Amino acid sequence: MQRGILILNKEELNQLFTVLDISVFTGTQLFEKLNSASGSIEPEVRILLSEDELKSIIDEMGMPFSNNQVLNSALEKINALMLSFRD
């Protein structure tokens, strides 16, 4: 299973958490990773994620939000990391 580092700035991370209910991942490593990231005070947050974890995030988020550029930026970064596993 491939893994990669998702790098989001604090604004992107905050917007991601407005549409992503991390409680659905309770009891998983993904929950622990996202919960830890949500408490970070760093301007950029780095999260080591597997391909399956990225798929879970995408599935939970749904389609891009065209009126929210910050959230779209976060989703683009998630999709770019997914695509990097295919190279």
PDB file of N, CA and C in Angstrom:
ATOM      1  N   MET A   1       0.853  -1.178   0.000  1.00  0.00           N
ATOM      2  CA  MET A   1       0.000   0.000   0.000  1.00  0.00           C
ATOM      3  C   MET A   1       0.897   1.238   0.000  1.00  0.00           C
ATOM      4  N   GLN A   2       0.582   2.152  -0.874  1.00  0.00           N
ATOM      5  CA  GLN A   2       1.374   3.370  -0.986  1.00  0.00           C
ATOM      6  C   GLN A   2       0.939   4.399   0.045  1.00  0.00           C
ATOM      7  N   ARG A   3       1.909   5.207   0.439  1.00  0.00           N
ATOM      8  CA  ARG A   3       1.654   6.289   1.394  1.00  0.00           C
ATOM      9  C   ARG A   3       2.292   7.560   0.875  1.00  0.00           C
ATOM     10  N   GLY A   4       1.725   8.669   1.280  1.00  0.00           N
ATOM     11  CA  GLY A   4       2.271   9.967   0.895  1.00  0.00           C
ATOM     12  C   GLY A   4       1.932  11.000   1.949  1.00  0.00           C
ATOM     13  N   ILE A   5       2.567  12.147   1.816  1.00  0.00           N
ATOM     14  CA  ILE A   5       2.349  13.220   2.785  1.00  0.00           C
ATOM     15  C   ILE A   5       1.463  14.292   2.163  1.00  0.00           C
ATOM     16  N   LEU A   6       0.339  14.514   2.789  1.00  0.00           N
ATOM     17  CA  LEU A   6      -0.578  15.580   2.390  1.00  0.00           C
ATOM     18  C   LEU A   6      -0.187  16.829   3.163  1.00  0.00           C
ATOM     19  N   ILE A   7       0.082  17.910   2.435  1.00  0.00           N
ATOM     20  CA  ILE A   7       0.463  19.172   3.064  1.00  0.00           C
ATOM     21  C   ILE A   7      -0.642  20.187   2.817  1.00  0.00           C
ATOM     22  N   LEU A   8      -1.256  20.639   3.898  1.00  0.00           N
ATOM     23  CA  LEU A   8      -2.317  21.640   3.818  1.00  0.00           C
ATOM     24  C   LEU A   8      -1.943  22.816   4.704  1.00  0.00           C
ATOM     25  N   ASN A   9      -2.301  24.025   4.245  1.00  0.00           N
ATOM     26  CA  ASN A   9      -2.111  25.158   5.149  1.00  0.00           C
ATOM     27  C   ASN A   9      -3.274  25.165   6.141  1.00  0.00           C
ATOM     28  N   LYS A  10      -3.131  25.964   7.164  1.00  0.00           N
ATOM     29  CA  LYS A  10      -4.121  25.962   8.253  1.00  0.00           C
ATOM     30  C   LYS A  10      -5.525  26.320   7.750  1.00  0.00           C
ATOM     31  N   GLU A  11      -5.602  27.272   6.812  1.00  0.00           N
ATOM     32  CA  GLU A  11      -6.906  27.676   6.277  1.00  0.00           C
ATOM     33  C   GLU A  11      -7.563  26.525   5.514  1.00  0.00           C
ATOM     34  N   GLU A  12      -6.772  25.815   4.695  1.00  0.00           N
ATOM     35  CA  GLU A  12      -7.311  24.672   3.955  1.00  0.00           C
ATOM     36  C   GLU A  12      -7.783  23.586   4.917  1.00  0.00           C
ATOM     37  N   LEU A  13      -6.992  23.339   5.942  1.00  0.00           N
ATOM     38  CA  LEU A  13      -7.357  22.320   6.918  1.00  0.00           C
ATOM     39  C   LEU A  13      -8.654  22.683   7.635  1.00  0.00           C
ATOM     40  N   ASN A  14      -8.770  23.938   8.042  1.00  0.00           N
ATOM     41  CA  ASN A  14      -9.995  24.380   8.720  1.00  0.00           C
ATOM     42  C   ASN A  14     -11.212  24.246   7.815  1.00  0.00           C
ATOM     43  N   GLN A  15     -11.071  24.592   6.539  1.00  0.00           N
ATOM     44  CA  GLN A  15     -12.186  24.455   5.598  1.00  0.00           C
ATOM     45  C   GLN A  15     -12.536  22.988   5.372  1.00  0.00           C
ATOM     46  N   LEU A  16     -11.515  22.144   5.320  1.00  0.00           N
ATOM     47  CA  LEU A  16     -11.748  20.712   5.151  1.00  0.00           C
ATOM     48  C   LEU A  16     -12.611  20.169   6.285  1.00  0.00           C
ATOM     49  N   PHE A  17     -12.324  20.617   7.494  1.00  0.00           N
ATOM     50  CA  PHE A  17     -13.080  20.123   8.644  1.00  0.00           C
ATOM     51  C   PHE A  17     -14.495  20.688   8.721  1.00  0.00           C
ATOM     52  N   THR A  18     -14.825  21.689   7.904  1.00  0.00           N
ATOM     53  CA  THR A  18     -16.207  22.171   7.881  1.00  0.00           C
ATOM     54  C   THR A  18     -17.120  21.214   7.118  1.00  0.00           C
ATOM     55  N   VAL A  19     -16.540  20.397   6.233  1.00  0.00           N
ATOM     56  CA  VAL A  19     -17.350  19.465   5.439  1.00  0.00           C
ATOM     57  C   VAL A  19     -17.025  18.001   5.714  1.00  0.00           C
ATOM     58  N   LEU A  20     -15.963  17.761   6.455  1.00  0.00           N
ATOM     59  CA  LEU A  20     -15.538  16.392   6.737  1.00  0.00           C
ATOM     60  C   LEU A  20     -15.833  16.064   8.197  1.00  0.00           C
ATOM     61  N   ASP A  21     -16.730  15.123   8.409  1.00  0.00           N
ATOM     62  CA  ASP A  21     -17.073  14.688   9.762  1.00  0.00           C
ATOM     63  C   ASP A  21     -16.117  13.566  10.152  1.00  0.00           C
ATOM     64  N   ILE A  22     -15.057  13.928  10.885  1.00  0.00           N
ATOM     65  CA  ILE A  22     -14.045  12.916  11.201  1.00  0.00           C
ATOM     66  C   ILE A  22     -14.552  11.869  12.185  1.00  0.00           C
ATOM     67  N   SER A  23     -15.678  12.120  12.824  1.00  0.00           N
ATOM     68  CA  SER A  23     -16.200  11.132  13.777  1.00  0.00           C
ATOM     69  C   SER A  23     -16.584   9.825  13.085  1.00  0.00           C
ATOM     70  N   VAL A  24     -16.826   9.868  11.773  1.00  0.00           N
ATOM     71  CA  VAL A  24     -17.139   8.626  11.055  1.00  0.00           C
ATOM     72  C   VAL A  24     -15.926   7.698  11.003  1.00  0.00           C
ATOM     73  N   PHE A  25     -14.750   8.251  11.271  1.00  0.00           N
ATOM     74  CA  PHE A  25     -13.523   7.458  11.256  1.00  0.00           C
ATOM     75  C   PHE A  25     -13.072   7.054  12.664  1.00  0.00           C
ATOM     76  N   THR A  26     -13.923   7.280  13.662  1.00  0.00           N
ATOM     77  CA  THR A  26     -13.573   6.964  15.053  1.00  0.00           C
ATOM     78  C   THR A  26     -13.101   5.518  15.164  1.00  0.00           C
ATOM     79  N   GLY A  27     -12.021   5.340  15.918  1.00  0.00           N
ATOM     80  CA  GLY A  27     -11.479   4.002  16.121  1.00  0.00           C
ATOM     81  C   GLY A  27     -10.474   3.582  15.070  1.00  0.00           C
ATOM     82  N   THR A  28     -10.152   4.479  14.147  1.00  0.00           N
ATOM     83  CA  THR A  28      -9.190   4.162  13.090  1.00  0.00           C
ATOM     84  C   THR A  28      -7.959   5.056  13.212  1.00  0.00           C
ATOM     85  N   GLN A  29      -6.892   4.647  12.530  1.00  0.00           N
ATOM     86  CA  GLN A  29      -5.698   5.488  12.486  1.00  0.00           C
ATOM     87  C   GLN A  29      -5.997   6.803  11.783  1.00  0.00           C
ATOM     88  N   LEU A  30      -6.870   6.764  10.787  1.00  0.00           N
ATOM     89  CA  LEU A  30      -7.222   7.986  10.071  1.00  0.00           C
ATOM     90  C   LEU A  30      -7.831   9.005  11.027  1.00  0.00           C
ATOM     91  N   PHE A  31      -8.694   8.558  11.909  1.00  0.00           N
ATOM     92  CA  PHE A  31      -9.278   9.472  12.894  1.00  0.00           C
ATOM     93  C   PHE A  31      -8.184  10.107  13.744  1.00  0.00           C
ATOM     94  N   GLU A  32      -7.248   9.296  14.208  1.00  0.00           N
ATOM     95  CA  GLU A  32      -6.165   9.810  15.050  1.00  0.00           C
ATOM     96  C   GLU A  32      -5.325  10.832  14.295  1.00  0.00           C
ATOM     97  N   LYS A  33      -5.032  10.556  13.034  1.00  0.00           N
ATOM     98  CA  LYS A  33      -4.233  11.479  12.219  1.00  0.00           C
ATOM     99  C   LYS A  33      -4.963  12.803  12.002  1.00  0.00           C
ATOM    100  N   LEU A  34      -6.243  12.722  11.639  1.00  0.00           N
ATOM    101  CA  LEU A  34      -7.018  13.938  11.386  1.00  0.00           C
ATOM    102  C   LEU A  34      -7.268  14.713  12.675  1.00  0.00           C
ATOM    103  N   ASN A  35      -7.520  14.007  13.747  1.00  0.00           N
ATOM    104  CA  ASN A  35      -7.743  14.657  15.034  1.00  0.00           C
ATOM    105  C   ASN A  35      -6.480  15.386  15.492  1.00  0.00           C
ATOM    106  N   SER A  36      -5.350  14.751  15.305  1.00  0.00           N
ATOM    107  CA  SER A  36      -4.073  15.374  15.661  1.00  0.00           C
ATOM    108  C   SER A  36      -3.819  16.604  14.798  1.00  0.00           C
ATOM    109  N   ALA A  37      -4.093  16.490  13.502  1.00  0.00           N
ATOM    110  CA  ALA A  37      -3.897  17.621  12.586  1.00  0.00           C
ATOM    111  C   ALA A  37      -4.800  18.787  12.956  1.00  0.00           C
ATOM    112  N   SER A  38      -6.012  18.490  13.394  1.00  0.00           N
ATOM    113  CA  SER A  38      -6.953  19.564  13.727  1.00  0.00           C
ATOM    114  C   SER A  38      -6.473  20.388  14.914  1.00  0.00           C
ATOM    115  N   GLY A  39      -5.672  19.790  15.777  1.00  0.00           N
ATOM    116  CA  GLY A  39      -5.162  20.502  16.939  1.00  0.00           C
ATOM    117  C   GLY A  39      -3.823  21.179  16.718  1.00  0.00           C
ATOM    118  N   SER A  40      -3.288  21.043  15.516  1.00  0.00           N
ATOM    119  CA  SER A  40      -1.972  21.619  15.226  1.00  0.00           C
ATOM    120  C   SER A  40      -2.036  23.143  15.176  1.00  0.00           C
ATOM    121  N   ILE A  41      -0.986  23.774  15.662  1.00  0.00           N
ATOM    122  CA  ILE A  41      -0.894  25.239  15.598  1.00  0.00           C
ATOM    123  C   ILE A  41       0.092  25.682  14.519  1.00  0.00           C
ATOM    124  N   GLU A  42       0.643  24.723  13.783  1.00  0.00           N
ATOM    125  CA  GLU A  42       1.592  25.032  12.714  1.00  0.00           C
ATOM    126  C   GLU A  42       0.865  25.682  11.534  1.00  0.00           C
ATOM    127  N   PRO A  43       1.548  26.573  10.783  1.00  0.00           N
ATOM    128  CA  PRO A  43       0.915  27.192   9.615  1.00  0.00           C
ATOM    129  C   PRO A  43       0.672  26.197   8.479  1.00  0.00           C
ATOM    130  N   GLU A  44       1.514  25.157   8.407  1.00  0.00           N
ATOM    131  CA  GLU A  44       1.325  24.076   7.443  1.00  0.00           C
ATOM    132  C   GLU A  44       1.279  22.763   8.203  1.00  0.00           C
ATOM    133  N   VAL A  45       0.330  21.923   7.821  1.00  0.00           N
ATOM    134  CA  VAL A  45       0.168  20.636   8.486  1.00  0.00           C
ATOM    135  C   VAL A  45       0.516  19.542   7.490  1.00  0.00           C
ATOM    136  N   ARG A  46       1.336  18.608   7.935  1.00  0.00           N
ATOM    137  CA  ARG A  46       1.740  17.461   7.114  1.00  0.00           C
ATOM    138  C   ARG A  46       1.131  16.204   7.725  1.00  0.00           C
ATOM    139  N   ILE A  47       0.404  15.461   6.878  1.00  0.00           N
ATOM    140  CA  ILE A  47      -0.276  14.253   7.352  1.00  0.00           C
ATOM    141  C   ILE A  47       0.131  13.089   6.455  1.00  0.00           C
ATOM    142  N   LEU A  48       0.718  12.055   7.043  1.00  0.00           N
ATOM    143  CA  LEU A  48       1.083  10.851   6.303  1.00  0.00           C
ATOM    144  C   LEU A  48      -0.169   9.998   6.134  1.00  0.00           C
ATOM    145  N   LEU A  49      -0.567   9.788   4.875  1.00  0.00           N
ATOM    146  CA  LEU A  49      -1.807   9.068   4.590  1.00  0.00           C
ATOM    147  C   LEU A  49      -1.573   7.965   3.572  1.00  0.00           C
ATOM    148  N   SER A  50      -2.317   6.883   3.729  1.00  0.00           N
ATOM    149  CA  SER A  50      -2.291   5.805   2.747  1.00  0.00           C
ATOM    150  C   SER A  50      -3.293   6.116   1.637  1.00  0.00           C
ATOM    151  N   GLU A  51      -3.185   5.370   0.567  1.00  0.00           N
ATOM    152  CA  GLU A  51      -4.124   5.531  -0.543  1.00  0.00           C
ATOM    153  C   GLU A  51      -5.559   5.268  -0.077  1.00  0.00           C
ATOM    154  N   ASP A  52      -5.749   4.244   0.737  1.00  0.00           N
ATOM    155  CA  ASP A  52      -7.093   3.927   1.245  1.00  0.00           C
ATOM    156  C   ASP A  52      -7.643   5.045   2.124  1.00  0.00           C
ATOM    157  N   GLU A  53      -6.773   5.655   2.932  1.00  0.00           N
ATOM    158  CA  GLU A  53      -7.213   6.755   3.788  1.00  0.00           C
ATOM    159  C   GLU A  53      -7.624   7.960   2.949  1.00  0.00           C
ATOM    160  N   LEU A  54      -6.870   8.231   1.890  1.00  0.00           N
ATOM    161  CA  LEU A  54      -7.232   9.335   0.996  1.00  0.00           C
ATOM    162  C   LEU A  54      -8.578   9.072   0.328  1.00  0.00           C
ATOM    163  N   LYS A  55      -8.786   7.830  -0.103  1.00  0.00           N
ATOM    164  CA  LYS A  55     -10.068   7.469  -0.716  1.00  0.00           C
ATOM    165  C   LYS A  55     -11.217   7.676   0.267  1.00  0.00           C
ATOM    166  N   SER A  56     -10.992   7.318   1.517  1.00  0.00           N
ATOM    167  CA  SER A  56     -12.026   7.496   2.543  1.00  0.00           C
ATOM    168  C   SER A  56     -12.373   8.963   2.726  1.00  0.00           C
ATOM    169  N   ILE A  57     -11.350   9.813   2.721  1.00  0.00           N
ATOM    170  CA  ILE A  57     -11.579  11.254   2.861  1.00  0.00           C
ATOM    171  C   ILE A  57     -12.373  11.772   1.671  1.00  0.00           C
ATOM    172  N   ILE A  58     -11.978  11.392   0.471  1.00  0.00           N
ATOM    173  CA  ILE A  58     -12.672  11.843  -0.743  1.00  0.00           C
ATOM    174  C   ILE A  58     -14.120  11.366  -0.735  1.00  0.00           C
ATOM    175  N   ASP A  59     -14.331  10.107  -0.369  1.00  0.00           N
ATOM    176  CA  ASP A  59     -15.695   9.566  -0.316  1.00  0.00           C
ATOM    177  C   ASP A  59     -16.560  10.331   0.677  1.00  0.00           C
ATOM    178  N   GLU A  60     -15.998  10.681   1.812  1.00  0.00           N
ATOM    179  CA  GLU A  60     -16.752  11.395   2.842  1.00  0.00           C
ATOM    180  C   GLU A  60     -17.036  12.841   2.435  1.00  0.00           C
ATOM    181  N   MET A  61     -16.092  13.462   1.717  1.00  0.00           N
ATOM    182  CA  MET A  61     -16.250  14.869   1.317  1.00  0.00           C
ATOM    183  C   MET A  61     -17.238  15.054   0.186  1.00  0.00           C
ATOM    184  N   GLY A  62     -17.242  14.136  -0.752  1.00  0.00           N
ATOM    185  CA  GLY A  62     -18.094  14.306  -1.919  1.00  0.00           C
ATOM    186  C   GLY A  62     -17.427  15.151  -2.984  1.00  0.00           C
ATOM    187  N   MET A  63     -18.216  15.822  -3.783  1.00  0.00           N
ATOM    188  CA  MET A  63     -17.724  16.593  -4.925  1.00  0.00           C
ATOM    189  C   MET A  63     -17.129  17.930  -4.481  1.00  0.00           C
ATOM    190  N   PRO A  64     -16.303  18.520  -5.356  1.00  0.00           N
ATOM    191  CA  PRO A  64     -15.722  19.833  -5.044  1.00  0.00           C
ATOM    192  C   PRO A  64     -16.800  20.891  -4.833  1.00  0.00           C
ATOM    193  N   PHE A  65     -16.444  21.897  -4.094  1.00  0.00           N
ATOM    194  CA  PHE A  65     -17.356  22.995  -3.787  1.00  0.00           C
ATOM    195  C   PHE A  65     -16.901  24.204  -4.586  1.00  0.00           C
ATOM    196  N   SER A  66     -17.517  24.430  -5.740  1.00  0.00           N
ATOM    197  CA  SER A  66     -17.034  25.442  -6.680  1.00  0.00           C
ATOM    198  C   SER A  66     -17.019  26.849  -6.107  1.00  0.00           C
ATOM    199  N   ASN A  67     -17.830  27.139  -5.127  1.00  0.00           N
ATOM    200  CA  ASN A  67     -17.874  28.490  -4.573  1.00  0.00           C
ATOM    201  C   ASN A  67     -16.892  28.682  -3.415  1.00  0.00           C
ATOM    202  N   ASN A  68     -16.151  27.658  -3.052  1.00  0.00           N
ATOM    203  CA  ASN A  68     -15.201  27.745  -1.947  1.00  0.00           C
ATOM    204  C   ASN A  68     -13.807  27.386  -2.457  1.00  0.00           C
ATOM    205  N   GLN A  69     -13.045  28.405  -2.821  1.00  0.00           N
ATOM    206  CA  GLN A  69     -11.732  28.183  -3.423  1.00  0.00           C
ATOM    207  C   GLN A  69     -10.746  27.521  -2.462  1.00  0.00           C
ATOM    208  N   VAL A  70     -10.822  27.850  -1.192  1.00  0.00           N
ATOM    209  CA  VAL A  70      -9.899  27.258  -0.216  1.00  0.00           C
ATOM    210  C   VAL A  70     -10.168  25.762  -0.080  1.00  0.00           C
ATOM    211  N   LEU A  71     -11.429  25.398   0.016  1.00  0.00           N
ATOM    212  CA  LEU A  71     -11.798  23.991   0.114  1.00  0.00           C
ATOM    213  C   LEU A  71     -11.442  23.250  -1.171  1.00  0.00           C
ATOM    214  N   ASN A  72     -11.668  23.894  -2.314  1.00  0.00           N
ATOM    215  CA  ASN A  72     -11.288  23.287  -3.589  1.00  0.00           C
ATOM    216  C   ASN A  72      -9.784  23.052  -3.654  1.00  0.00           C
ATOM    217  N   SER A  73      -9.011  23.988  -3.120  1.00  0.00           N
ATOM    218  CA  SER A  73      -7.558  23.840  -3.096  1.00  0.00           C
ATOM    219  C   SER A  73      -7.155  22.619  -2.275  1.00  0.00           C
ATOM    220  N   ALA A  74      -7.782  22.432  -1.133  1.00  0.00           N
ATOM    221  CA  ALA A  74      -7.496  21.262  -0.296  1.00  0.00           C
ATOM    222  C   ALA A  74      -7.838  19.978  -1.040  1.00  0.00           C
ATOM    223  N   LEU A  75      -8.984  19.955  -1.704  1.00  0.00           N
ATOM    224  CA  LEU A  75      -9.394  18.769  -2.451  1.00  0.00           C
ATOM    225  C   LEU A  75      -8.451  18.499  -3.622  1.00  0.00           C
ATOM    226  N   GLU A  76      -7.987  19.558  -4.286  1.00  0.00           N
ATOM    227  CA  GLU A  76      -7.021  19.392  -5.375  1.00  0.00           C
ATOM    228  C   GLU A  76      -5.731  18.762  -4.867  1.00  0.00           C
ATOM    229  N   LYS A  77      -5.289  19.165  -3.693  1.00  0.00           N
ATOM    230  CA  LYS A  77      -4.076  18.581  -3.108  1.00  0.00           C
ATOM    231  C   LYS A  77      -4.284  17.108  -2.767  1.00  0.00           C
ATOM    232  N   ILE A  78      -5.459  16.777  -2.264  1.00  0.00           N
ATOM    233  CA  ILE A  78      -5.773  15.381  -1.957  1.00  0.00           C
ATOM    234  C   ILE A  78      -5.771  14.560  -3.243  1.00  0.00           C
ATOM    235  N   ASN A  79      -6.426  15.079  -4.285  1.00  0.00           N
ATOM    236  CA  ASN A  79      -6.474  14.370  -5.566  1.00  0.00           C
ATOM    237  C   ASN A  79      -5.094  14.249  -6.196  1.00  0.00           C
ATOM    238  N   ALA A  80      -4.266  15.294  -6.081  1.00  0.00           N
ATOM    239  CA  ALA A  80      -2.908  15.256  -6.638  1.00  0.00           C
ATOM    240  C   ALA A  80      -2.074  14.177  -5.951  1.00  0.00           C
ATOM    241  N   LEU A  81      -2.235  14.044  -4.649  1.00  0.00           N
ATOM    242  CA  LEU A  81      -1.505  13.000  -3.928  1.00  0.00           C
ATOM    243  C   LEU A  81      -1.982  11.623  -4.372  1.00  0.00           C
ATOM    244  N   MET A  82      -3.283  11.468  -4.567  1.00  0.00           N
ATOM    245  CA  MET A  82      -3.820  10.192  -5.062  1.00  0.00           C
ATOM    246  C   MET A  82      -3.229   9.855  -6.427  1.00  0.00           C
ATOM    247  N   LEU A  83      -3.189  10.855  -7.305  1.00  0.00           N
ATOM    248  CA  LEU A  83      -2.653  10.628  -8.648  1.00  0.00           C
ATOM    249  C   LEU A  83      -1.170  10.301  -8.619  1.00  0.00           C
ATOM    250  N   SER A  84      -0.442  10.839  -7.648  1.00  0.00           N
ATOM    251  CA  SER A  84       0.996  10.562  -7.562  1.00  0.00           C
ATOM    252  C   SER A  84       1.263   9.086  -7.280  1.00  0.00           C
ATOM    253  N   PHE A  85       0.311   8.394  -6.699  1.00  0.00           N
ATOM    254  CA  PHE A  85       0.472   6.965  -6.448  1.00  0.00           C
ATOM    255  C   PHE A  85       0.394   6.166  -7.744  1.00  0.00           C
ATOM    256  N   ARG A  86      -0.185   6.739  -8.768  1.00  0.00           N
ATOM    257  CA  ARG A  86      -0.359   6.048 -10.046  1.00  0.00           C
ATOM    258  C   ARG A  86       0.871   6.151 -10.945  1.00  0.00           C
ATOM    259  N   ASP A  87       1.754   7.084 -10.628  1.00  0.00           N
ATOM    260  CA  ASP A  87       2.949   7.293 -11.473  1.00  0.00           C
ATOM    261  C   ASP A  87       3.960   6.186 -11.317  1.00  0.00           C
TER     262      ASP A  87
END
